[in-house]
Amino acid sequence: MFDKISGKYDLLNKVLSLGIDRNWRKQALSLLVSHNPQHLLDVATGTGDMAFMADKILHPGKITGIDLSMGMLDVAKRRLADAKVKYGATIEFLKGDAENLPFGDNSFDAATVTFGVRNFGDLHKGLSEMRRVLRPGAPIVVLEFTKPRIFPIRQLFDIYFRHILPLIGSWTSGDGRAYKYLYESVQAFPDYEAFNQELIKAGFDRPAFTPLSLGICAIYIAYKP
């Protein structure tokens, strides 16, 4: 499904979020600045937006992005090859499953997931795998859509994501199915306090979340003990 829309994915994200998604990513990465991670793992990296922004904000030595969609990864690799400015970090993009990460224990200083954790087939397994590959004390930062709780934002969000977003996605990418799925996956996702509990079940400590843009999405952070 995501292979089919990979060529239009970045444009659609910017249009559908009215460009706010870039600020959300910056806020999420700002939580990692004080940790100064030297090897960052970006799970469900897609076309590499978070990885490229992490290079500019965090200045790590290495960034590893992993995703199941080869179509998305092809776009990320083209962006990396075509970059006019040399990246400070060594950036690599690998095909792989978040629920069976091809890395050893205690390999990374921090991990990020941006709009991808709700796509895990087994949320507990995916989070547990990320905890496994993080070094002790390392943070995980998750940026994900949520269900707004404020009237009338919740009602407007529902109309937009359920009816308007798939229509725009269909016009732009030729495949509205992925954006219909977006609405359905957000509705099914355990957000806010419920996701904090999922982080605890997966073995993380001190989970916390910050709602953004009137509750359209949230940043979560937790730490490997």
C-alpha atoms as a PDB file:
ATOM      1  CA  MET A   1       0.000   0.000   0.000  1.00  0.00           C
ATOM      2  CA  PHE A   2       2.715   2.488   0.982  1.00  0.00           C
ATOM      3  CA  ASP A   3       4.885   1.470  -1.971  1.00  0.00           C
ATOM      4  CA  LYS A   4       2.177   2.793  -4.297  1.00  0.00           C
ATOM      5  CA  ILE A   5       2.112   6.286  -2.779  1.00  0.00           C
ATOM      6  CA  SER A   6       5.831   6.613  -2.008  1.00  0.00           C
ATOM      7  CA  GLY A   7       6.470   9.119  -4.810  1.00  0.00           C
ATOM      8  CA  LYS A   8       3.854  11.534  -3.466  1.00  0.00           C
ATOM      9  CA  TYR A   9       4.183  10.741   0.227  1.00  0.00           C
ATOM     10  CA  ASP A  10       6.202  13.785   1.338  1.00  0.00           C
ATOM     11  CA  LEU A  11       4.048  16.231  -0.613  1.00  0.00           C
ATOM     12  CA  LEU A  12       0.867  14.698   0.759  1.00  0.00           C
ATOM     13  CA  ASN A  13       2.114  14.883   4.345  1.00  0.00           C
ATOM     14  CA  LYS A  14       2.846  18.580   3.956  1.00  0.00           C
ATOM     15  CA  VAL A  15      -0.479  19.336   2.261  1.00  0.00           C
ATOM     16  CA  LEU A  16      -2.604  17.242   4.595  1.00  0.00           C
ATOM     17  CA  SER A  17      -0.973  18.597   7.758  1.00  0.00           C
ATOM     18  CA  LEU A  18      -0.866  22.170   6.384  1.00  0.00           C
ATOM     19  CA  GLY A  19       2.914  22.062   6.814  1.00  0.00           C
ATOM     20  CA  ILE A  20       2.679  21.642  10.596  1.00  0.00           C
ATOM     21  CA  ASP A  21       4.295  18.193  10.513  1.00  0.00           C
ATOM     22  CA  ARG A  22       7.741  19.800  10.136  1.00  0.00           C
ATOM     23  CA  ASN A  23       7.322  21.718  13.399  1.00  0.00           C
ATOM     24  CA  TRP A  24       6.087  18.556  15.116  1.00  0.00           C
ATOM     25  CA  ARG A  25       9.246  16.735  14.059  1.00  0.00           C
ATOM     26  CA  LYS A  26      11.458  19.566  15.324  1.00  0.00           C
ATOM     27  CA  GLN A  27       9.734  19.514  18.699  1.00  0.00           C
ATOM     28  CA  ALA A  28      10.142  15.756  18.959  1.00  0.00           C
ATOM     29  CA  LEU A  29      13.847  15.880  18.103  1.00  0.00           C
ATOM     30  CA  SER A  30      14.429  18.744  20.535  1.00  0.00           C
ATOM     31  CA  LEU A  31      13.770  16.259  23.363  1.00  0.00           C
ATOM     32  CA  LEU A  32      16.905  14.361  22.323  1.00  0.00           C
ATOM     33  CA  VAL A  33      19.324  17.295  22.131  1.00  0.00           C
ATOM     34  CA  SER A  34      20.464  17.012  25.761  1.00  0.00           C
ATOM     35  CA  HIS A  35      21.105  13.283  25.285  1.00  0.00           C
ATOM     36  CA  ASN A  36      23.550  13.935  22.430  1.00  0.00           C
ATOM     37  CA  PRO A  37      22.965  10.551  20.725  1.00  0.00           C
ATOM     38  CA  GLN A  38      25.814   9.430  18.497  1.00  0.00           C
ATOM     39  CA  HIS A  39      23.970   6.533  16.843  1.00  0.00           C
ATOM     40  CA  LEU A  40      20.276   7.142  16.212  1.00  0.00           C
ATOM     41  CA  LEU A  41      17.739   4.559  15.058  1.00  0.00           C
ATOM     42  CA  ASP A  42      14.746   5.846  13.084  1.00  0.00           C
ATOM     43  CA  VAL A  43      12.090   3.125  12.853  1.00  0.00           C
ATOM     44  CA  ALA A  44       9.442   3.315  10.098  1.00  0.00           C
ATOM     45  CA  THR A  45      11.694   5.920   8.510  1.00  0.00           C
ATOM     46  CA  GLY A  46       9.592   6.144   5.321  1.00  0.00           C
ATOM     47  CA  THR A  47      11.210   8.579   2.901  1.00  0.00           C
ATOM     48  CA  GLY A  48      13.717   9.740   5.508  1.00  0.00           C
ATOM     49  CA  ASP A  49      12.231  13.038   6.687  1.00  0.00           C
ATOM     50  CA  MET A  50      13.003  12.417  10.356  1.00  0.00           C
ATOM     51  CA  ALA A  51      16.466  11.058   9.630  1.00  0.00           C
ATOM     52  CA  PHE A  52      17.462  14.076   7.555  1.00  0.00           C
ATOM     53  CA  MET A  53      16.091  16.515  10.124  1.00  0.00           C
ATOM     54  CA  ALA A  54      17.843  14.623  12.934  1.00  0.00           C
ATOM     55  CA  ASP A  55      21.160  15.164  11.173  1.00  0.00           C
ATOM     56  CA  LYS A  56      20.641  18.944  11.250  1.00  0.00           C
ATOM     57  CA  ILE A  57      19.323  19.158  14.819  1.00  0.00           C
ATOM     58  CA  LEU A  58      21.179  16.423  16.698  1.00  0.00           C
ATOM     59  CA  HIS A  59      24.466  16.130  14.745  1.00  0.00           C
ATOM     60  CA  PRO A  60      24.945  12.419  15.507  1.00  0.00           C
ATOM     61  CA  GLY A  61      27.764  10.373  14.059  1.00  0.00           C
ATOM     62  CA  LYS A  62      25.423   7.844  12.441  1.00  0.00           C
ATOM     63  CA  ILE A  63      21.718   7.540  11.633  1.00  0.00           C
ATOM     64  CA  THR A  64      20.125   4.228  10.680  1.00  0.00           C
ATOM     65  CA  GLY A  65      16.651   4.332   9.153  1.00  0.00           C
ATOM     66  CA  ILE A  66      14.636   1.139   8.782  1.00  0.00           C
ATOM     67  CA  ASP A  67      11.327   0.510   7.014  1.00  0.00           C
ATOM     68  CA  LEU A  68       9.341  -2.360   5.486  1.00  0.00           C
ATOM     69  CA  SER A  69       8.399  -0.407   2.345  1.00  0.00           C
ATOM     70  CA  MET A  70      11.042  -0.655  -0.379  1.00  0.00           C
ATOM     71  CA  GLY A  71       9.217   2.047  -2.324  1.00  0.00           C
ATOM     72  CA  MET A  72       9.614   4.482   0.547  1.00  0.00           C
ATOM     73  CA  LEU A  73      13.249   3.503   1.050  1.00  0.00           C
ATOM     74  CA  ASP A  74      14.015   4.022  -2.640  1.00  0.00           C
ATOM     75  CA  VAL A  75      12.794   7.622  -2.298  1.00  0.00           C
ATOM     76  CA  ALA A  76      14.887   8.100   0.864  1.00  0.00           C
ATOM     77  CA  LYS A  77      18.000   6.736  -0.847  1.00  0.00           C
ATOM     78  CA  ARG A  78      17.468   9.002  -3.883  1.00  0.00           C
ATOM     79  CA  ARG A  79      17.099  11.992  -1.586  1.00  0.00           C
ATOM     80  CA  LEU A  80      20.329  11.049   0.149  1.00  0.00           C
ATOM     81  CA  ALA A  81      22.205  10.583  -3.125  1.00  0.00           C
ATOM     82  CA  ASP A  82      20.839  13.809  -4.632  1.00  0.00           C
ATOM     83  CA  ALA A  83      21.539  15.991  -1.595  1.00  0.00           C
ATOM     84  CA  LYS A  84      23.373  19.187  -2.531  1.00  0.00           C
ATOM     85  CA  VAL A  85      24.662  19.665   1.004  1.00  0.00           C
ATOM     86  CA  LYS A  86      26.768  16.903   2.562  1.00  0.00           C
ATOM     87  CA  TYR A  87      25.207  15.424   5.669  1.00  0.00           C
ATOM     88  CA  GLY A  88      27.284  15.442   8.845  1.00  0.00           C
ATOM     89  CA  ALA A  89      26.135  11.999   9.900  1.00  0.00           C
ATOM     90  CA  THR A  90      26.662   8.730   8.105  1.00  0.00           C
ATOM     91  CA  ILE A  91      23.083   7.916   7.044  1.00  0.00           C
ATOM     92  CA  GLU A  92      21.946   4.474   5.943  1.00  0.00           C
ATOM     93  CA  PHE A  93      18.500   3.195   5.010  1.00  0.00           C
ATOM     94  CA  LEU A  94      17.717  -0.498   5.458  1.00  0.00           C
ATOM     95  CA  LYS A  95      14.720  -2.686   4.704  1.00  0.00           C
ATOM     96  CA  GLY A  96      13.556  -4.423   7.843  1.00  0.00           C
ATOM     97  CA  ASP A  97      10.752  -5.217  10.252  1.00  0.00           C
ATOM     98  CA  ALA A  98      10.302  -3.151  13.426  1.00  0.00           C
ATOM     99  CA  GLU A  99       9.100  -6.308  15.175  1.00  0.00           C
ATOM    100  CA  ASN A 100      12.314  -8.184  14.363  1.00  0.00           C
ATOM    101  CA  LEU A 101      15.072  -5.573  14.244  1.00  0.00           C
ATOM    102  CA  PRO A 102      18.302  -6.832  12.632  1.00  0.00           C
ATOM    103  CA  PHE A 103      20.552  -5.281  15.272  1.00  0.00           C
ATOM    104  CA  GLY A 104      22.287  -6.515  18.389  1.00  0.00           C
ATOM    105  CA  ASP A 105      21.291  -5.645  21.945  1.00  0.00           C
ATOM    106  CA  ASN A 106      22.306  -2.208  23.281  1.00  0.00           C
ATOM    107  CA  SER A 107      23.276  -0.853  19.842  1.00  0.00           C
ATOM    108  CA  PHE A 108      21.717   2.644  19.777  1.00  0.00           C
ATOM    109  CA  ASP A 109      21.821   5.827  21.856  1.00  0.00           C
ATOM    110  CA  ALA A 110      18.257   6.860  20.966  1.00  0.00           C
ATOM    111  CA  ALA A 111      15.353   5.802  18.773  1.00  0.00           C
ATOM    112  CA  THR A 112      12.545   7.637  17.012  1.00  0.00           C
ATOM    113  CA  VAL A 113       9.292   6.582  15.361  1.00  0.00           C
ATOM    114  CA  THR A 114       7.290   9.158  13.411  1.00  0.00           C
ATOM    115  CA  PHE A 115       3.709   8.343  12.390  1.00  0.00           C
ATOM    116  CA  GLY A 116       4.622   4.672  12.164  1.00  0.00           C
ATOM    117  CA  VAL A 117       4.078   2.998  15.511  1.00  0.00           C
ATOM    118  CA  ARG A 118       0.340   2.635  14.906  1.00  0.00           C
ATOM    119  CA  ASN A 119       1.212   0.471  11.870  1.00  0.00           C
ATOM    120  CA  PHE A 120       3.026  -2.167  13.940  1.00  0.00           C
ATOM    121  CA  GLY A 121       1.268  -5.501  13.556  1.00  0.00           C
ATOM    122  CA  ASP A 122       2.208  -6.340  17.141  1.00  0.00           C
ATOM    123  CA  LEU A 123       2.675  -3.118  19.096  1.00  0.00           C
ATOM    124  CA  HIS A 124       4.138  -4.809  22.163  1.00  0.00           C
ATOM    125  CA  LYS A 125       6.688  -6.742  20.125  1.00  0.00           C
ATOM    126  CA  GLY A 126       7.729  -3.668  18.141  1.00  0.00           C
ATOM    127  CA  LEU A 127       8.231  -1.549  21.257  1.00  0.00           C
ATOM    128  CA  SER A 128      10.028  -4.397  23.019  1.00  0.00           C
ATOM    129  CA  GLU A 129      12.411  -4.763  20.082  1.00  0.00           C
ATOM    130  CA  MET A 130      13.213  -1.066  20.204  1.00  0.00           C
ATOM    131  CA  ARG A 131      13.924  -1.332  23.930  1.00  0.00           C
ATOM    132  CA  ARG A 132      16.199  -4.312  23.260  1.00  0.00           C
ATOM    133  CA  VAL A 133      18.432  -2.481  20.771  1.00  0.00           C
ATOM    134  CA  LEU A 134      18.694   0.689  22.874  1.00  0.00           C
ATOM    135  CA  ARG A 135      21.517   1.146  25.344  1.00  0.00           C
ATOM    136  CA  PRO A 136      20.606   1.388  29.051  1.00  0.00           C
ATOM    137  CA  GLY A 137      19.266   4.852  29.861  1.00  0.00           C
ATOM    138  CA  ALA A 138      18.616   5.669  26.192  1.00  0.00           C
ATOM    139  CA  PRO A 139      15.381   7.429  25.187  1.00  0.00           C
ATOM    140  CA  ILE A 140      12.711   6.496  22.695  1.00  0.00           C
ATOM    141  CA  VAL A 141      10.699   9.346  21.136  1.00  0.00           C
ATOM    142  CA  VAL A 142       7.437   8.613  19.345  1.00  0.00           C
ATOM    143  CA  LEU A 143       5.471  11.155  17.303  1.00  0.00           C
ATOM    144  CA  GLU A 144       1.982   9.937  16.456  1.00  0.00           C
ATOM    145  CA  PHE A 145      -1.489  11.138  15.524  1.00  0.00           C
ATOM    146  CA  THR A 146      -4.028  11.149  18.330  1.00  0.00           C
ATOM    147  CA  LYS A 147      -7.759  11.621  18.741  1.00  0.00           C
ATOM    148  CA  PRO A 148      -8.468  15.211  19.856  1.00  0.00           C
ATOM    149  CA  ARG A 149     -10.579  15.513  22.979  1.00  0.00           C
ATOM    150  CA  ILE A 150     -11.606  19.164  22.735  1.00  0.00           C
ATOM    151  CA  PHE A 151     -14.965  20.198  21.245  1.00  0.00           C
ATOM    152  CA  PRO A 152     -15.284  21.066  18.350  1.00  0.00           C
ATOM    153  CA  ILE A 153     -11.732  20.037  17.321  1.00  0.00           C
ATOM    154  CA  ARG A 154     -12.577  16.359  17.742  1.00  0.00           C
ATOM    155  CA  GLN A 155     -15.622  16.651  15.445  1.00  0.00           C
ATOM    156  CA  LEU A 156     -13.723  18.665  12.810  1.00  0.00           C
ATOM    157  CA  PHE A 157     -10.811  16.221  12.966  1.00  0.00           C
ATOM    158  CA  ASP A 158     -13.207  13.328  12.444  1.00  0.00           C
ATOM    159  CA  ILE A 159     -14.790  14.917   9.364  1.00  0.00           C
ATOM    160  CA  TYR A 160     -11.427  15.891   7.886  1.00  0.00           C
ATOM    161  CA  PHE A 161      -9.644  12.563   8.414  1.00  0.00           C
ATOM    162  CA  ARG A 162     -12.630  10.377   7.617  1.00  0.00           C
ATOM    163  CA  HIS A 163     -13.960  12.108   4.495  1.00  0.00           C
ATOM    164  CA  ILE A 164     -11.747  14.917   3.148  1.00  0.00           C
ATOM    165  CA  LEU A 165      -8.279  13.411   3.621  1.00  0.00           C
ATOM    166  CA  PRO A 166      -8.932  10.209   1.580  1.00  0.00           C
ATOM    167  CA  LEU A 167     -10.390  12.350  -1.202  1.00  0.00           C
ATOM    168  CA  ILE A 168      -7.311  14.597  -1.354  1.00  0.00           C
ATOM    169  CA  GLY A 169      -5.073  11.541  -1.148  1.00  0.00           C
ATOM    170  CA  SER A 170      -6.902   9.920  -4.042  1.00  0.00           C
ATOM    171  CA  TRP A 171      -6.637  13.038  -6.226  1.00  0.00           C
ATOM    172  CA  THR A 172      -2.944  13.536  -5.475  1.00  0.00           C
ATOM    173  CA  SER A 173      -1.565  10.004  -5.304  1.00  0.00           C
ATOM    174  CA  GLY A 174      -4.207   8.021  -7.138  1.00  0.00           C
ATOM    175  CA  ASP A 175      -4.727   5.825  -4.081  1.00  0.00           C
ATOM    176  CA  GLY A 176      -7.108   7.069  -1.410  1.00  0.00           C
ATOM    177  CA  ARG A 177      -7.062   3.682   0.330  1.00  0.00           C
ATOM    178  CA  ALA A 178      -3.889   4.497   2.279  1.00  0.00           C
ATOM    179  CA  TYR A 179      -5.482   7.647   3.656  1.00  0.00           C
ATOM    180  CA  LYS A 180      -8.696   5.883   4.543  1.00  0.00           C
ATOM    181  CA  TYR A 181      -6.456   3.485   6.443  1.00  0.00           C
ATOM    182  CA  LEU A 182      -4.851   6.467   8.190  1.00  0.00           C
ATOM    183  CA  TYR A 183      -8.182   7.432   9.754  1.00  0.00           C
ATOM    184  CA  GLU A 184      -8.963   3.857  10.760  1.00  0.00           C
ATOM    185  CA  SER A 185      -5.523   3.272  12.288  1.00  0.00           C
ATOM    186  CA  VAL A 186      -5.657   6.498  14.311  1.00  0.00           C
ATOM    187  CA  GLN A 187      -9.053   5.503  15.699  1.00  0.00           C
ATOM    188  CA  ALA A 188      -7.736   2.105  16.763  1.00  0.00           C
ATOM    189  CA  PHE A 189      -4.470   3.379  18.253  1.00  0.00           C
ATOM    190  CA  PRO A 190      -4.140   3.445  22.072  1.00  0.00           C
ATOM    191  CA  ASP A 191      -3.153   7.080  22.563  1.00  0.00           C
ATOM    192  CA  TYR A 192      -2.209   9.334  25.471  1.00  0.00           C
ATOM    193  CA  GLU A 193      -2.229   7.463  28.825  1.00  0.00           C
ATOM    194  CA  ALA A 194      -3.016   4.167  27.105  1.00  0.00           C
ATOM    195  CA  PHE A 195       0.154   4.391  25.012  1.00  0.00           C
ATOM    196  CA  ASN A 196       2.179   5.258  28.108  1.00  0.00           C
ATOM    197  CA  GLN A 197       0.965   1.970  29.550  1.00  0.00           C
ATOM    198  CA  GLU A 198       2.080   0.152  26.386  1.00  0.00           C
ATOM    199  CA  LEU A 199       5.554   1.639  26.832  1.00  0.00           C
ATOM    200  CA  ILE A 200       5.650   0.424  30.428  1.00  0.00           C
ATOM    201  CA  LYS A 201       4.524  -3.070  29.396  1.00  0.00           C
ATOM    202  CA  ALA A 202       7.353  -3.132  26.850  1.00  0.00           C
ATOM    203  CA  GLY A 203       9.875  -2.407  29.604  1.00  0.00           C
ATOM    204  CA  PHE A 204      10.368   1.365  29.352  1.00  0.00           C
ATOM    205  CA  ASP A 205      10.562   3.741  32.314  1.00  0.00           C
ATOM    206  CA  ARG A 206       9.221   7.257  32.929  1.00  0.00           C
ATOM    207  CA  PRO A 207       6.827   7.522  29.978  1.00  0.00           C
ATOM    208  CA  ALA A 208       5.378  10.964  29.308  1.00  0.00           C
ATOM    209  CA  PHE A 209       3.441  12.623  26.505  1.00  0.00           C
ATOM    210  CA  THR A 210       2.859  16.152  25.214  1.00  0.00           C
ATOM    211  CA  PRO A 211      -0.212  16.887  23.049  1.00  0.00           C
ATOM    212  CA  LEU A 212       0.417  19.148  20.051  1.00  0.00           C
ATOM    213  CA  SER A 213      -1.847  21.326  17.913  1.00  0.00           C
ATOM    214  CA  LEU A 214      -4.966  20.984  20.063  1.00  0.00           C
ATOM    215  CA  GLY A 215      -4.515  17.235  20.367  1.00  0.00           C
ATOM    216  CA  ILE A 216      -4.122  16.308  16.701  1.00  0.00           C
ATOM    217  CA  CYS A 217      -0.911  14.497  17.559  1.00  0.00           C
ATOM    218  CA  ALA A 218       1.368  13.895  20.524  1.00  0.00           C
ATOM    219  CA  ILE A 219       5.022  13.367  21.368  1.00  0.00           C
ATOM    220  CA  TYR A 220       5.839  10.471  23.679  1.00  0.00           C
ATOM    221  CA  ILE A 221       9.163   9.912  25.417  1.00  0.00           C
ATOM    222  CA  ALA A 222      10.332   7.056  27.612  1.00  0.00           C
ATOM    223  CA  TYR A 223      13.636   5.483  28.639  1.00  0.00           C
ATOM    224  CA  LYS A 224      15.244   2.074  28.700  1.00  0.00           C
ATOM    225  CA  PRO A 225      16.109   1.226  32.333  1.00  0.00           C
END
